[in-house]
Amino acid sequence: MATGLVSVVVPVHNAAPFLQAALDSVLAQTHRPLELCVWDDCSTDSSAAIVEAFREQLEAHAVTLKMGASVKDDTVPRSRGAGYARNHAVALSSGEYLCFLDADDVMDRTRVAKQLAHMMELQETRDRVLLGSRFHREPAEATPRYASWCNTMTDVQLRDQRFRECTIIQPTWFCTRAMFDHVGGYDETGVGTPEDLLFFYALFERGCQVARHPADLVMYRHVANALSSLVNKETIWAIRMRAIQAQLLDALPAFGIWSAGRDGKKFYRSLSLANQAKVTTFYDVDERKIAGGIYWDERARRKVPIVHFRAAQPPFVLCVKLDLHAGFEDNVASLGLQEGTDYWHFC
């Protein structure tokens, strides 16, 4: 059995309706030693009182509770954001390992034990790995395409499909303190910032990798009007564009784009001027677009040819959404190319 102090890190902001279930799942963990580190980020409901009322029960079951709170504004309590709250909860902690949990989610009772054992198997590489797990949604019908994608990727795809989104969801994250410190913690810009996505890309930039425990270890709750819903889609697009250019395209001498439609053209226009100049071809299946022959770049005064996907030459970026376009995955597979070497998914 793996040993070692694990710190469960929980940021809290107005989570009263769901918080007790999250706390119960911490108490139920089979692993000890364990501590719970909570940061209350200016809650205006009973969240802080719920946590404090649970202290005696936690400590009676050998779970140490550490709790801190953001300083409230003199007039209106203002959330500093999940990144700020997580960083401060981590600062309270003492464990060699960090287990992240959102206040509205629930862990399987074996989660900590199983992820810790998985980390032990990684041996000397564990200080450079962010470990996730499979999960299920509550309600079950929430974001079915995203949940299916996250839960069915291969270990290699967890890395190769990272430019689409976080390939392991934050409420399943488990890592060593050394890894967290190496990445540098969360961005603290505040509400409206996807701090998980920024951390996710930063870990790759710092030479780390991701892995996933094969078991379903977290109930990931869909909550209307959650803070994550305040993140603008264009903000996420811009972050993903920066990542794929810094981590991939800047080093390529030339590449193509699969899709001469809306997403492919948006991708092209979002590239730096230097990377736009590297685009050799648009690939598509639409005979009308192919018949048109070219994409005209007005700014650069250059023509980019549009050809049938069967003529695709690697490397290229796929700007077509998975599981939405009949035959798309089969078309990609028919080329006999290697994902992560010859092509990368973006949409």
Protein backbone atom coordinates (compact mmCIF):
# COMPACT_ATOMS: atom_id res chain seq x y z
CA MET A 1 0.00 0.00 0.00
CA ALA A 2 1.32 3.45 -0.93
CA THR A 3 1.96 5.81 1.96
CA GLY A 4 2.54 9.55 2.22
CA LEU A 5 0.54 12.58 3.25
CA VAL A 6 -1.97 13.66 0.62
CA SER A 7 -3.51 17.14 0.72
CA VAL A 8 -7.00 17.43 -0.78
CA VAL A 9 -7.26 20.97 -2.17
CA VAL A 10 -10.75 22.50 -2.35
CA PRO A 11 -11.53 26.09 -3.43
CA VAL A 12 -14.92 27.26 -2.19
CA HIS A 13 -17.18 30.07 -3.39
CA ASN A 14 -20.89 29.93 -2.58
CA ALA A 15 -20.99 26.14 -2.78
CA ALA A 16 -23.43 25.47 0.08
CA PRO A 17 -25.92 23.32 -1.90
CA PHE A 18 -23.25 20.77 -2.84
CA LEU A 19 -20.43 21.20 -0.34
CA GLN A 20 -21.51 18.58 2.19
CA ALA A 21 -21.41 15.84 -0.44
CA ALA A 22 -17.87 16.86 -1.40
CA LEU A 23 -16.76 16.86 2.25
CA ASP A 24 -18.36 13.46 2.86
CA SER A 25 -16.38 12.06 -0.06
CA VAL A 26 -13.15 13.33 1.51
CA LEU A 27 -14.03 11.74 4.84
CA ALA A 28 -14.81 8.44 3.09
CA GLN A 29 -11.35 8.11 1.52
CA THR A 30 -9.61 4.86 2.34
CA HIS A 31 -6.16 6.45 2.38
CA ARG A 32 -4.49 7.93 5.44
CA PRO A 33 -2.62 10.15 6.24
CA LEU A 34 -4.88 12.79 4.70
CA GLU A 35 -5.51 16.48 5.14
CA LEU A 36 -8.22 18.74 3.72
CA CYS A 37 -7.15 22.24 2.70
CA VAL A 38 -10.02 24.63 2.00
CA TRP A 39 -9.87 28.25 0.86
CA ASP A 40 -13.13 30.18 1.12
CA ASP A 41 -13.12 32.82 -1.59
CA CYS A 42 -15.53 35.46 -0.28
CA SER A 43 -18.58 33.21 -0.03
CA THR A 44 -21.78 35.01 0.90
CA ASP A 45 -23.69 31.82 1.75
CA SER A 46 -23.13 29.28 4.54
CA SER A 47 -20.17 27.54 2.87
CA ALA A 48 -17.62 28.52 5.53
CA ALA A 49 -19.92 27.45 8.34
CA ILE A 50 -20.54 24.07 6.68
CA VAL A 51 -16.82 23.36 6.48
CA GLU A 52 -16.13 24.50 10.04
CA ALA A 53 -19.01 22.42 11.38
CA PHE A 54 -17.44 19.35 9.79
CA ARG A 55 -14.04 19.86 11.47
CA GLU A 56 -14.67 17.63 14.48
CA GLN A 57 -15.95 14.74 12.38
CA LEU A 58 -13.01 15.00 9.99
CA GLU A 59 -10.44 15.04 12.75
CA ALA A 60 -12.17 12.16 14.53
CA HIS A 61 -11.41 10.14 11.40
CA ALA A 62 -7.77 11.28 11.14
CA VAL A 63 -8.34 13.95 8.50
CA THR A 64 -6.73 17.27 9.41
CA LEU A 65 -8.66 20.36 8.31
CA LYS A 66 -6.84 23.54 7.30
CA MET A 67 -8.98 26.48 6.25
CA GLY A 68 -8.29 30.02 5.09
CA ALA A 69 -10.33 32.80 3.55
CA SER A 70 -9.92 35.71 1.16
CA VAL A 71 -10.06 39.19 2.63
CA LYS A 72 -13.38 40.73 1.74
CA ASP A 73 -13.78 44.17 0.23
CA ASP A 74 -15.04 46.85 2.62
CA THR A 75 -18.27 47.22 0.68
CA VAL A 76 -18.98 44.25 -1.56
CA PRO A 77 -17.45 40.78 -1.13
CA ARG A 78 -15.62 39.98 -4.36
CA SER A 79 -14.35 36.60 -5.47
CA ARG A 80 -10.65 36.58 -6.36
CA GLY A 81 -11.19 33.59 -8.65
CA ALA A 82 -10.56 29.86 -8.52
CA GLY A 83 -6.86 30.19 -9.38
CA TYR A 84 -6.27 32.45 -6.38
CA ALA A 85 -8.27 30.15 -4.10
CA ARG A 86 -6.44 27.00 -5.22
CA ASN A 87 -3.01 28.59 -4.84
CA HIS A 88 -3.85 29.71 -1.32
CA ALA A 89 -5.28 26.32 -0.38
CA VAL A 90 -2.07 24.71 -1.63
CA ALA A 91 -0.07 27.21 0.44
CA LEU A 92 -1.92 25.95 3.54
CA SER A 93 -1.10 22.34 2.76
CA SER A 94 1.74 20.11 3.95
CA GLY A 95 1.37 17.01 1.80
CA GLU A 96 3.91 15.66 -0.65
CA TYR A 97 0.94 14.99 -2.94
CA LEU A 98 -1.90 17.29 -3.98
CA CYS A 99 -5.38 16.02 -4.86
CA PHE A 100 -7.63 18.67 -6.43
CA LEU A 101 -11.38 18.61 -5.88
CA ASP A 102 -14.03 21.20 -6.68
CA ALA A 103 -16.56 22.01 -3.96
CA ASP A 104 -19.50 20.76 -6.05
CA ASP A 105 -17.95 17.43 -7.07
CA VAL A 106 -17.70 14.04 -5.32
CA MET A 107 -14.82 11.55 -5.16
CA ASP A 108 -14.99 7.79 -5.18
CA ARG A 109 -13.83 6.53 -1.77
CA THR A 110 -10.78 4.87 -3.36
CA ARG A 111 -9.69 7.86 -5.44
CA VAL A 112 -6.75 9.04 -3.34
CA ALA A 113 -5.45 5.52 -2.75
CA LYS A 114 -5.66 4.58 -6.43
CA GLN A 115 -4.10 7.76 -7.80
CA LEU A 116 -1.33 7.65 -5.19
CA ALA A 117 -0.54 4.04 -6.11
CA HIS A 118 -0.48 5.05 -9.80
CA MET A 119 1.98 7.84 -9.00
CA MET A 120 4.22 5.37 -7.13
CA GLU A 121 4.37 3.21 -10.25
CA LEU A 122 5.73 6.19 -12.22
CA GLN A 123 8.80 6.15 -9.96
CA GLU A 124 11.38 8.79 -10.87
CA THR A 125 9.13 10.50 -13.45
CA ARG A 126 6.27 11.27 -11.04
CA ASP A 127 7.53 14.79 -10.30
CA ARG A 128 6.87 15.69 -13.93
CA VAL A 129 3.40 14.14 -14.36
CA LEU A 130 -0.12 15.49 -13.85
CA LEU A 131 -2.42 12.53 -13.23
CA GLY A 132 -6.16 12.53 -13.91
CA SER A 133 -8.84 9.85 -14.03
CA ARG A 134 -12.02 8.97 -15.81
CA PHE A 135 -15.21 10.56 -14.49
CA HIS A 136 -18.97 10.65 -14.90
CA ARG A 137 -21.27 13.66 -15.14
CA GLU A 138 -24.17 14.68 -12.97
CA PRO A 139 -26.63 14.97 -14.55
CA ALA A 140 -25.59 12.16 -16.86
CA GLU A 141 -26.70 14.00 -20.01
CA ALA A 142 -24.48 17.04 -19.38
CA THR A 143 -21.80 17.67 -22.06
CA PRO A 144 -21.93 14.11 -23.46
CA ARG A 145 -19.48 14.71 -26.34
CA TYR A 146 -16.87 16.29 -24.07
CA ALA A 147 -17.21 13.57 -21.42
CA SER A 148 -16.94 10.82 -24.01
CA TRP A 149 -13.86 12.43 -25.56
CA CYS A 150 -12.07 12.81 -22.22
CA ASN A 151 -12.89 9.28 -21.10
CA THR A 152 -11.99 7.42 -24.29
CA MET A 153 -8.67 8.92 -25.39
CA THR A 154 -5.60 6.74 -25.40
CA ASP A 155 -2.64 7.68 -23.22
CA VAL A 156 -0.85 9.10 -26.27
CA GLN A 157 -3.89 11.16 -27.28
CA LEU A 158 -3.93 12.82 -23.86
CA ARG A 159 -0.82 14.60 -25.11
CA ASP A 160 -1.46 14.81 -28.84
CA GLN A 161 -5.00 16.22 -28.59
CA ARG A 162 -4.15 18.84 -25.95
CA PHE A 163 -4.69 21.74 -28.35
CA ARG A 164 -8.44 20.98 -28.37
CA GLU A 165 -8.88 21.45 -24.60
CA CYS A 166 -7.70 20.06 -21.27
CA THR A 167 -7.56 16.33 -21.94
CA ILE A 168 -7.89 15.53 -18.23
CA ILE A 169 -10.43 17.55 -16.27
CA GLN A 170 -9.28 19.61 -13.31
CA PRO A 171 -11.44 17.95 -10.60
CA THR A 172 -9.50 14.71 -11.28
CA TRP A 173 -6.00 16.25 -11.05
CA PHE A 174 -3.45 14.64 -8.74
CA CYS A 175 0.25 15.55 -8.63
CA THR A 176 3.30 15.91 -6.44
CA ARG A 177 3.95 19.23 -4.75
CA ALA A 178 7.24 19.31 -6.67
CA MET A 179 5.40 19.18 -9.97
CA PHE A 180 2.95 21.91 -8.92
CA ASP A 181 5.82 24.17 -7.85
CA HIS A 182 7.74 23.43 -11.05
CA VAL A 183 4.79 24.59 -13.18
CA GLY A 184 4.38 27.66 -11.00
CA GLY A 185 0.84 27.37 -9.69
CA TYR A 186 -2.35 28.86 -11.11
CA ASP A 187 -2.89 32.15 -12.85
CA GLU A 188 -4.62 34.58 -10.44
CA THR A 189 -6.09 37.04 -12.94
CA GLY A 190 -9.51 36.19 -11.55
CA VAL A 191 -13.04 35.44 -12.68
CA GLY A 192 -13.28 34.99 -16.44
CA THR A 193 -9.83 33.41 -16.75
CA PRO A 194 -9.54 29.66 -17.54
CA GLU A 195 -6.84 29.03 -14.94
CA ASP A 196 -7.00 25.28 -15.51
CA LEU A 197 -6.25 25.61 -19.24
CA LEU A 198 -3.36 27.99 -18.58
CA PHE A 199 -1.86 25.59 -16.02
CA PHE A 200 -2.40 22.68 -18.42
CA TYR A 201 -0.43 24.32 -21.22
CA ALA A 202 2.23 25.64 -18.84
CA LEU A 203 3.02 22.12 -17.67
CA PHE A 204 3.87 21.03 -21.23
CA GLU A 205 6.01 24.13 -21.74
CA ARG A 206 7.97 23.11 -18.64
CA GLY A 207 8.62 19.59 -19.87
CA CYS A 208 5.87 17.79 -17.94
CA GLN A 209 3.36 15.22 -19.18
CA VAL A 210 -0.15 14.02 -18.35
CA ALA A 211 -1.49 10.57 -17.51
CA ARG A 212 -4.85 9.11 -16.53
CA HIS A 213 -5.89 6.45 -14.05
CA PRO A 214 -8.25 4.09 -15.91
CA ALA A 215 -10.96 4.06 -13.22
CA ASP A 216 -13.92 6.45 -12.92
CA LEU A 217 -12.99 8.23 -9.69
CA VAL A 218 -14.95 11.52 -9.73
CA MET A 219 -18.53 12.63 -10.13
CA TYR A 220 -18.19 15.87 -12.10
CA ARG A 221 -21.25 17.99 -11.48
CA HIS A 222 -22.69 20.34 -14.08
CA VAL A 223 -23.86 23.51 -12.32
CA ALA A 224 -25.67 26.29 -14.15
CA ASN A 225 -24.03 29.72 -13.75
CA ALA A 226 -20.77 28.27 -12.42
CA LEU A 227 -17.73 30.57 -12.53
CA SER A 228 -16.39 28.57 -15.48
CA SER A 229 -19.40 29.72 -17.51
CA LEU A 230 -18.07 33.28 -17.29
CA VAL A 231 -15.02 32.43 -19.42
CA ASN A 232 -15.39 33.89 -22.90
CA LYS A 233 -15.03 31.42 -25.78
CA GLU A 234 -12.73 33.81 -27.61
CA THR A 235 -10.45 33.91 -24.58
CA ILE A 236 -10.17 30.13 -24.70
CA TRP A 237 -9.55 30.22 -28.47
CA ALA A 238 -6.74 32.75 -28.05
CA ILE A 239 -5.06 30.67 -25.33
CA ARG A 240 -5.25 27.55 -27.46
CA MET A 241 -3.82 29.45 -30.44
CA ARG A 242 -0.87 30.65 -28.38
CA ALA A 243 -0.23 27.10 -27.17
CA ILE A 244 -0.31 25.37 -30.56
CA GLN A 245 1.99 27.98 -32.04
CA ALA A 246 4.49 28.05 -29.17
CA GLN A 247 4.53 24.27 -28.67
CA LEU A 248 4.27 23.13 -32.30
CA LEU A 249 3.84 25.46 -35.27
CA ASP A 250 6.65 27.92 -34.54
CA ALA A 251 9.12 25.06 -35.08
CA LEU A 252 7.58 23.75 -38.32
CA PRO A 253 8.88 25.08 -41.63
CA ALA A 254 5.48 24.60 -43.33
CA PHE A 255 2.08 23.03 -42.67
CA GLY A 256 -1.43 22.70 -44.07
CA ILE A 257 -4.91 23.24 -42.62
CA TRP A 258 -7.70 20.67 -42.99
CA SER A 259 -10.90 22.70 -43.50
CA ALA A 260 -11.46 25.59 -45.85
CA GLY A 261 -14.64 26.37 -43.92
CA ARG A 262 -15.36 28.72 -41.04
CA ASP A 263 -13.09 27.12 -38.42
CA GLY A 264 -10.18 26.56 -40.78
CA LYS A 265 -10.25 30.16 -41.99
CA LYS A 266 -10.58 31.47 -38.44
CA PHE A 267 -7.58 29.36 -37.47
CA TYR A 268 -5.57 30.81 -40.37
CA ARG A 269 -6.51 34.39 -39.48
CA SER A 270 -5.60 33.78 -35.82
CA LEU A 271 -2.06 32.69 -36.65
CA SER A 272 0.89 35.01 -36.30
CA LEU A 273 1.97 36.57 -39.60
CA ALA A 274 5.04 34.34 -39.60
CA ASN A 275 2.94 31.21 -39.25
CA GLN A 276 0.37 32.36 -41.81
CA ALA A 277 3.22 32.52 -44.31
CA LYS A 278 4.00 28.84 -43.61
CA VAL A 279 0.51 27.61 -44.59
CA THR A 280 0.88 25.78 -47.88
CA THR A 281 -2.61 24.40 -48.49
CA PHE A 282 -6.17 24.10 -47.25
CA TYR A 283 -7.60 20.56 -47.43
CA ASP A 284 -11.32 19.89 -47.66
CA VAL A 285 -13.99 17.42 -48.75
CA ASP A 286 -16.48 20.01 -50.06
CA GLU A 287 -16.39 19.91 -53.85
CA ARG A 288 -17.64 23.51 -54.07
CA LYS A 289 -14.73 24.82 -52.04
CA ILE A 290 -12.29 22.67 -53.97
CA ALA A 291 -13.73 23.91 -57.27
CA GLY A 292 -13.08 27.47 -56.12
CA GLY A 293 -9.43 26.51 -55.99
CA ILE A 294 -7.98 29.13 -53.66
CA TYR A 295 -8.25 31.06 -50.42
CA TRP A 296 -7.28 34.68 -51.04
CA ASP A 297 -5.30 36.29 -48.20
CA GLU A 298 -6.05 39.96 -48.76
CA ARG A 299 -3.50 41.23 -46.25
CA ALA A 300 -0.56 39.22 -47.61
CA ARG A 301 -1.81 39.36 -51.20
CA ARG A 302 -1.26 35.63 -51.59
CA LYS A 303 -3.28 32.68 -52.79
CA VAL A 304 -3.51 29.54 -50.66
CA PRO A 305 -4.71 26.54 -52.70
CA ILE A 306 -7.71 24.45 -51.62
CA VAL A 307 -7.41 20.79 -52.60
CA HIS A 308 -9.14 17.49 -51.81
CA PHE A 309 -8.15 15.87 -48.53
CA ARG A 310 -6.86 12.78 -50.38
CA ALA A 311 -3.99 14.94 -51.59
CA ALA A 312 -3.11 16.01 -48.04
CA GLN A 313 0.60 16.19 -47.29
CA PRO A 314 1.73 16.22 -43.66
CA PRO A 315 2.13 18.00 -41.42
CA PHE A 316 -1.29 19.62 -41.05
CA VAL A 317 -3.76 20.82 -38.43
CA LEU A 318 -7.32 19.49 -38.39
CA CYS A 319 -9.92 22.21 -37.84
CA VAL A 320 -13.00 19.96 -38.01
CA LYS A 321 -14.93 19.01 -34.87
CA LEU A 322 -14.82 15.34 -33.93
CA ASP A 323 -18.03 13.28 -33.79
CA LEU A 324 -20.09 15.86 -35.69
CA HIS A 325 -19.32 15.33 -39.36
CA ALA A 326 -20.24 11.98 -40.93
CA GLY A 327 -17.23 10.21 -42.37
CA PHE A 328 -14.64 12.68 -41.06
CA GLU A 329 -12.80 10.24 -38.77
CA ASP A 330 -12.84 7.59 -41.51
CA ASN A 331 -11.41 10.07 -44.00
CA VAL A 332 -8.55 10.89 -41.65
CA ALA A 333 -7.86 7.22 -40.94
CA SER A 334 -7.85 6.43 -44.69
CA LEU A 335 -4.66 8.44 -45.13
CA GLY A 336 -2.69 6.06 -42.92
CA LEU A 337 -0.90 8.88 -41.11
CA GLN A 338 0.29 9.18 -37.51
CA GLU A 339 -1.44 11.56 -35.12
CA GLY A 340 1.04 13.68 -33.19
CA THR A 341 3.62 13.37 -35.96
CA ASP A 342 1.75 14.01 -39.21
CA TYR A 343 -1.34 15.83 -37.94
CA TRP A 344 -2.92 17.41 -34.86
CA HIS A 345 -6.54 18.10 -33.93
CA PHE A 346 -7.45 21.66 -32.96
CA CYS A 347 -11.27 21.80 -33.10
